[in-house]
Amino acid sequence: MSSGVSRVAVGAYVGTGAPLEIKAEKIDFQPRKVEIHRITTAIDKGEWIEGMDDSSFIKTVGASGVRTLETTGGIYPLISGFRVGTDASLNNAGDTYRYVAWE
C-alpha cells in the first residue's frame, strides 16, 4: 500500500481438496482481509481478517446462516496472495469458489 491506495483483487478457483495457493498472477500483495464464497452447491462463506491466526477463518454455513470460528484447514495469508486449506467450505474438490482479497 505504498501508494496510499488500498488494492482489491477478485477471482475464482476450483477446489482440489488439497491445500491450494492463490497468488502472484492474480494477487500481488499480502491481503489484510479475504472473503471466499462457495457457489457450486451450498453458498458457504469463509472470512479471514488480519490479526486472526493463520489457518483460521469465520465460516458461515449458507443453508442455516450459522457462523463459527474454525481454527484449522482455513485461510493462510501469503506475501503475495493466500492459501486455502482443506476445509470443504473453502476447498472441496470440483466446487467453484469466488474470492475477494483486500490489501
N, C-alpha and C. Protein backbone atom coordinates (compact mmCIF):
# COMPACT_ATOMS: atom_id res chain seq x y z
N MET A 1 0.83 -1.17 0.00
CA MET A 1 0.00 0.00 0.00
C MET A 1 0.88 1.24 0.00
N SER A 2 2.01 1.19 -0.64
CA SER A 2 2.94 2.31 -0.66
C SER A 2 2.35 3.53 -1.34
N SER A 3 1.43 3.35 -2.24
CA SER A 3 0.82 4.49 -2.94
C SER A 3 -0.26 5.17 -2.10
N GLY A 4 -0.62 4.57 -0.97
CA GLY A 4 -1.69 5.10 -0.15
C GLY A 4 -3.06 4.64 -0.59
N VAL A 5 -3.12 3.87 -1.66
CA VAL A 5 -4.39 3.37 -2.19
C VAL A 5 -4.46 1.87 -1.92
N SER A 6 -5.52 1.44 -1.26
CA SER A 6 -5.71 0.03 -0.98
C SER A 6 -6.10 -0.70 -2.26
N ARG A 7 -5.52 -1.88 -2.46
CA ARG A 7 -5.84 -2.67 -3.65
C ARG A 7 -6.83 -3.78 -3.31
N VAL A 8 -7.61 -4.17 -4.30
CA VAL A 8 -8.59 -5.25 -4.18
C VAL A 8 -8.38 -6.20 -5.35
N ALA A 9 -8.44 -7.48 -5.07
CA ALA A 9 -8.36 -8.49 -6.14
C ALA A 9 -9.59 -9.39 -6.04
N VAL A 10 -10.17 -9.71 -7.17
CA VAL A 10 -11.30 -10.64 -7.22
C VAL A 10 -10.96 -11.75 -8.20
N GLY A 11 -11.51 -12.90 -7.97
CA GLY A 11 -11.24 -14.00 -8.88
C GLY A 11 -12.02 -15.24 -8.48
N ALA A 12 -11.65 -16.34 -9.09
CA ALA A 12 -12.33 -17.61 -8.84
C ALA A 12 -11.30 -18.73 -8.90
N TYR A 13 -11.65 -19.85 -8.29
CA TYR A 13 -10.83 -21.06 -8.38
C TYR A 13 -11.74 -22.26 -8.23
N VAL A 14 -11.24 -23.41 -8.65
CA VAL A 14 -11.94 -24.68 -8.48
C VAL A 14 -11.20 -25.45 -7.39
N GLY A 15 -11.93 -25.90 -6.40
CA GLY A 15 -11.33 -26.63 -5.29
C GLY A 15 -10.67 -27.93 -5.72
N THR A 16 -9.63 -28.31 -4.97
CA THR A 16 -8.92 -29.56 -5.23
C THR A 16 -9.01 -30.54 -4.07
N GLY A 17 -9.37 -30.03 -2.88
CA GLY A 17 -9.37 -30.85 -1.68
C GLY A 17 -8.03 -30.88 -0.99
N ALA A 18 -6.97 -30.45 -1.67
CA ALA A 18 -5.62 -30.34 -1.11
C ALA A 18 -5.29 -28.85 -0.99
N PRO A 19 -4.39 -28.47 -0.07
CA PRO A 19 -4.05 -27.05 0.05
C PRO A 19 -3.75 -26.44 -1.33
N LEU A 20 -4.25 -25.23 -1.53
CA LEU A 20 -4.21 -24.59 -2.84
C LEU A 20 -3.79 -23.13 -2.66
N GLU A 21 -2.81 -22.68 -3.46
CA GLU A 21 -2.35 -21.30 -3.37
C GLU A 21 -2.97 -20.44 -4.46
N ILE A 22 -3.48 -19.27 -4.06
CA ILE A 22 -4.00 -18.27 -4.97
C ILE A 22 -3.04 -17.10 -4.82
N LYS A 23 -2.17 -16.88 -5.81
CA LYS A 23 -1.11 -15.90 -5.57
C LYS A 23 -0.74 -15.03 -6.75
N ALA A 24 0.49 -14.67 -6.84
CA ALA A 24 1.04 -13.56 -7.61
C ALA A 24 0.35 -13.23 -8.93
N GLU A 25 0.00 -14.21 -9.74
CA GLU A 25 -0.58 -13.86 -11.03
C GLU A 25 -1.91 -13.13 -10.87
N LYS A 26 -2.59 -13.35 -9.78
CA LYS A 26 -3.87 -12.70 -9.54
C LYS A 26 -3.81 -11.68 -8.40
N ILE A 27 -2.98 -11.96 -7.39
CA ILE A 27 -2.88 -11.09 -6.21
C ILE A 27 -1.41 -10.82 -5.95
N ASP A 28 -0.97 -9.58 -6.15
CA ASP A 28 0.44 -9.26 -5.96
C ASP A 28 0.67 -8.45 -4.68
N PHE A 29 -0.13 -8.75 -3.64
CA PHE A 29 0.01 -8.09 -2.35
C PHE A 29 -0.38 -9.06 -1.24
N GLN A 30 0.01 -8.73 -0.01
CA GLN A 30 -0.39 -9.54 1.13
C GLN A 30 -1.75 -9.06 1.62
N PRO A 31 -2.76 -9.91 1.56
CA PRO A 31 -4.11 -9.48 1.93
C PRO A 31 -4.23 -9.18 3.43
N ARG A 32 -5.07 -8.21 3.73
CA ARG A 32 -5.44 -7.90 5.11
C ARG A 32 -6.81 -8.49 5.42
N LYS A 33 -7.56 -8.80 4.37
CA LYS A 33 -8.85 -9.47 4.51
C LYS A 33 -9.09 -10.32 3.27
N VAL A 34 -9.63 -11.52 3.48
CA VAL A 34 -10.00 -12.41 2.38
C VAL A 34 -11.41 -12.93 2.66
N GLU A 35 -12.24 -12.90 1.64
CA GLU A 35 -13.60 -13.44 1.74
C GLU A 35 -13.79 -14.41 0.57
N ILE A 36 -14.25 -15.61 0.89
CA ILE A 36 -14.42 -16.66 -0.12
C ILE A 36 -15.85 -17.18 -0.06
N HIS A 37 -16.48 -17.35 -1.24
CA HIS A 37 -17.85 -17.87 -1.33
C HIS A 37 -17.84 -19.12 -2.20
N ARG A 38 -18.38 -20.21 -1.66
CA ARG A 38 -18.57 -21.42 -2.47
C ARG A 38 -19.87 -21.22 -3.23
N ILE A 39 -19.83 -21.34 -4.55
CA ILE A 39 -21.02 -21.07 -5.35
C ILE A 39 -21.56 -22.29 -6.09
N THR A 40 -20.90 -23.44 -5.95
CA THR A 40 -21.34 -24.63 -6.67
C THR A 40 -22.56 -25.28 -6.04
N THR A 41 -22.51 -25.49 -4.75
CA THR A 41 -23.63 -26.17 -4.06
C THR A 41 -24.14 -25.22 -2.99
N ALA A 42 -23.92 -25.56 -1.75
CA ALA A 42 -24.32 -24.67 -0.65
C ALA A 42 -23.51 -23.38 -0.78
N ILE A 43 -24.14 -22.27 -0.52
CA ILE A 43 -23.46 -20.98 -0.65
C ILE A 43 -22.78 -20.67 0.68
N ASP A 44 -21.72 -21.41 0.98
CA ASP A 44 -20.96 -21.19 2.20
C ASP A 44 -20.03 -20.00 2.01
N LYS A 45 -19.63 -19.39 3.13
CA LYS A 45 -18.71 -18.25 3.07
C LYS A 45 -17.63 -18.43 4.13
N GLY A 46 -16.39 -18.08 3.78
CA GLY A 46 -15.30 -18.07 4.74
C GLY A 46 -14.64 -16.71 4.72
N GLU A 47 -14.27 -16.20 5.91
CA GLU A 47 -13.63 -14.88 6.03
C GLU A 47 -12.42 -14.98 6.93
N TRP A 48 -11.34 -14.38 6.50
CA TRP A 48 -10.14 -14.22 7.32
C TRP A 48 -9.82 -12.74 7.35
N ILE A 49 -9.51 -12.21 8.54
CA ILE A 49 -9.19 -10.80 8.72
C ILE A 49 -7.86 -10.70 9.44
N GLU A 50 -7.02 -9.76 9.00
CA GLU A 50 -5.72 -9.54 9.61
C GLU A 50 -5.84 -9.53 11.14
N GLY A 51 -4.93 -10.24 11.79
CA GLY A 51 -4.96 -10.37 13.24
C GLY A 51 -5.45 -11.74 13.68
N MET A 52 -6.19 -12.43 12.78
CA MET A 52 -6.62 -13.79 13.09
C MET A 52 -5.43 -14.73 12.88
N ASP A 53 -5.45 -15.87 13.54
CA ASP A 53 -4.40 -16.87 13.34
C ASP A 53 -4.42 -17.39 11.91
N ASP A 54 -3.23 -17.68 11.38
CA ASP A 54 -3.15 -18.34 10.08
C ASP A 54 -3.89 -19.66 10.17
N SER A 55 -4.59 -20.02 9.13
CA SER A 55 -5.37 -21.25 9.02
C SER A 55 -6.75 -21.13 9.65
N SER A 56 -7.02 -20.05 10.36
CA SER A 56 -8.35 -19.88 10.94
C SER A 56 -9.24 -19.12 9.96
N PHE A 57 -10.53 -19.16 10.21
CA PHE A 57 -11.47 -18.38 9.42
C PHE A 57 -12.84 -18.44 10.08
N ILE A 58 -13.67 -17.47 9.75
CA ILE A 58 -15.05 -17.47 10.22
C ILE A 58 -15.87 -18.12 9.11
N LYS A 59 -16.53 -19.21 9.45
CA LYS A 59 -17.34 -19.95 8.48
C LYS A 59 -18.80 -19.59 8.68
N THR A 60 -19.48 -19.26 7.58
CA THR A 60 -20.92 -19.06 7.60
C THR A 60 -21.53 -20.12 6.70
N VAL A 61 -22.35 -20.98 7.26
CA VAL A 61 -22.99 -22.05 6.50
C VAL A 61 -24.20 -21.46 5.80
N GLY A 62 -24.22 -21.62 4.47
CA GLY A 62 -25.24 -20.99 3.65
C GLY A 62 -26.68 -21.33 4.00
N ALA A 63 -26.98 -22.60 4.20
CA ALA A 63 -28.36 -23.01 4.41
C ALA A 63 -28.92 -22.50 5.74
N SER A 64 -28.10 -22.46 6.77
CA SER A 64 -28.59 -22.10 8.11
C SER A 64 -28.17 -20.71 8.56
N GLY A 65 -27.09 -20.19 7.97
CA GLY A 65 -26.57 -18.90 8.41
C GLY A 65 -25.75 -18.99 9.69
N VAL A 66 -25.51 -20.20 10.19
CA VAL A 66 -24.73 -20.38 11.41
C VAL A 66 -23.28 -19.99 11.16
N ARG A 67 -22.72 -19.17 12.06
CA ARG A 67 -21.33 -18.72 11.96
C ARG A 67 -20.50 -19.37 13.05
N THR A 68 -19.33 -19.89 12.67
CA THR A 68 -18.41 -20.48 13.64
C THR A 68 -16.99 -20.05 13.32
N LEU A 69 -16.17 -20.02 14.34
CA LEU A 69 -14.74 -19.76 14.17
C LEU A 69 -14.05 -21.10 14.01
N GLU A 70 -13.46 -21.33 12.85
CA GLU A 70 -12.71 -22.55 12.58
C GLU A 70 -11.23 -22.24 12.78
N THR A 71 -10.49 -23.17 13.35
CA THR A 71 -9.08 -22.90 13.65
C THR A 71 -8.10 -23.72 12.81
N THR A 72 -8.61 -24.59 11.95
CA THR A 72 -7.74 -25.37 11.07
C THR A 72 -8.35 -25.47 9.68
N GLY A 73 -7.50 -25.78 8.70
CA GLY A 73 -7.97 -26.03 7.34
C GLY A 73 -8.47 -24.80 6.62
N GLY A 74 -8.10 -23.61 7.10
CA GLY A 74 -8.69 -22.38 6.58
C GLY A 74 -7.83 -21.57 5.65
N ILE A 75 -7.74 -20.29 5.93
CA ILE A 75 -7.11 -19.31 5.05
C ILE A 75 -5.79 -18.86 5.64
N TYR A 76 -4.72 -18.94 4.84
CA TYR A 76 -3.38 -18.53 5.24
C TYR A 76 -2.97 -17.35 4.37
N PRO A 77 -2.68 -16.19 4.93
CA PRO A 77 -2.19 -15.10 4.10
C PRO A 77 -0.76 -15.38 3.65
N LEU A 78 -0.42 -14.97 2.44
CA LEU A 78 0.94 -15.10 1.91
C LEU A 78 1.44 -13.70 1.56
N ILE A 79 2.71 -13.56 1.31
CA ILE A 79 3.27 -12.27 0.90
C ILE A 79 2.57 -11.77 -0.36
N SER A 80 2.31 -12.68 -1.28
CA SER A 80 1.55 -12.36 -2.50
C SER A 80 0.42 -13.36 -2.63
N GLY A 81 -0.74 -13.03 -2.08
CA GLY A 81 -1.90 -13.90 -2.20
C GLY A 81 -2.25 -14.61 -0.92
N PHE A 82 -2.86 -15.79 -1.06
CA PHE A 82 -3.27 -16.57 0.11
C PHE A 82 -3.36 -18.04 -0.27
N ARG A 83 -3.41 -18.89 0.76
CA ARG A 83 -3.58 -20.33 0.57
C ARG A 83 -4.86 -20.74 1.28
N VAL A 84 -5.60 -21.64 0.68
CA VAL A 84 -6.76 -22.23 1.34
C VAL A 84 -6.39 -23.65 1.75
N GLY A 85 -6.83 -24.02 2.93
CA GLY A 85 -6.57 -25.36 3.45
C GLY A 85 -7.57 -26.37 2.92
N THR A 86 -7.84 -27.36 3.73
CA THR A 86 -8.64 -28.50 3.27
C THR A 86 -10.09 -28.47 3.73
N ASP A 87 -10.53 -27.43 4.42
CA ASP A 87 -11.92 -27.35 4.84
C ASP A 87 -12.81 -27.33 3.58
N ALA A 88 -13.81 -28.18 3.54
CA ALA A 88 -14.64 -28.34 2.33
C ALA A 88 -15.41 -27.07 1.97
N SER A 89 -15.71 -26.22 2.94
CA SER A 89 -16.43 -25.00 2.59
C SER A 89 -15.55 -24.02 1.83
N LEU A 90 -14.21 -24.24 1.86
CA LEU A 90 -13.26 -23.39 1.13
C LEU A 90 -12.57 -24.11 -0.02
N ASN A 91 -12.57 -25.44 -0.02
CA ASN A 91 -11.73 -26.16 -0.97
C ASN A 91 -12.21 -27.60 -1.17
N ASN A 92 -13.44 -27.77 -1.57
CA ASN A 92 -13.96 -29.10 -1.86
C ASN A 92 -13.66 -29.42 -3.33
N ALA A 93 -13.11 -30.59 -3.59
CA ALA A 93 -12.71 -30.96 -4.95
C ALA A 93 -13.87 -30.80 -5.93
N GLY A 94 -13.61 -30.02 -6.98
CA GLY A 94 -14.58 -29.82 -8.05
C GLY A 94 -15.55 -28.66 -7.86
N ASP A 95 -15.63 -28.11 -6.64
CA ASP A 95 -16.53 -26.99 -6.40
C ASP A 95 -15.89 -25.68 -6.85
N THR A 96 -16.72 -24.73 -7.25
CA THR A 96 -16.25 -23.42 -7.70
C THR A 96 -16.40 -22.42 -6.57
N TYR A 97 -15.38 -21.58 -6.43
CA TYR A 97 -15.32 -20.57 -5.37
C TYR A 97 -14.99 -19.21 -5.98
N ARG A 98 -15.58 -18.15 -5.43
CA ARG A 98 -15.25 -16.77 -5.79
C ARG A 98 -14.62 -16.12 -4.57
N TYR A 99 -13.62 -15.28 -4.80
CA TYR A 99 -12.96 -14.62 -3.66
C TYR A 99 -12.80 -13.13 -3.92
N VAL A 100 -12.65 -12.41 -2.81
CA VAL A 100 -12.27 -11.01 -2.81
C VAL A 100 -11.17 -10.88 -1.77
N ALA A 101 -10.06 -10.26 -2.14
CA ALA A 101 -8.95 -10.03 -1.20
C ALA A 101 -8.65 -8.54 -1.18
N TRP A 102 -8.53 -7.99 0.02
CA TRP A 102 -8.23 -6.57 0.19
C TRP A 102 -6.86 -6.40 0.79
N GLU A 103 -6.14 -5.38 0.34
CA GLU A 103 -4.83 -5.07 0.90
C GLU A 103 -5.01 -4.26 2.17
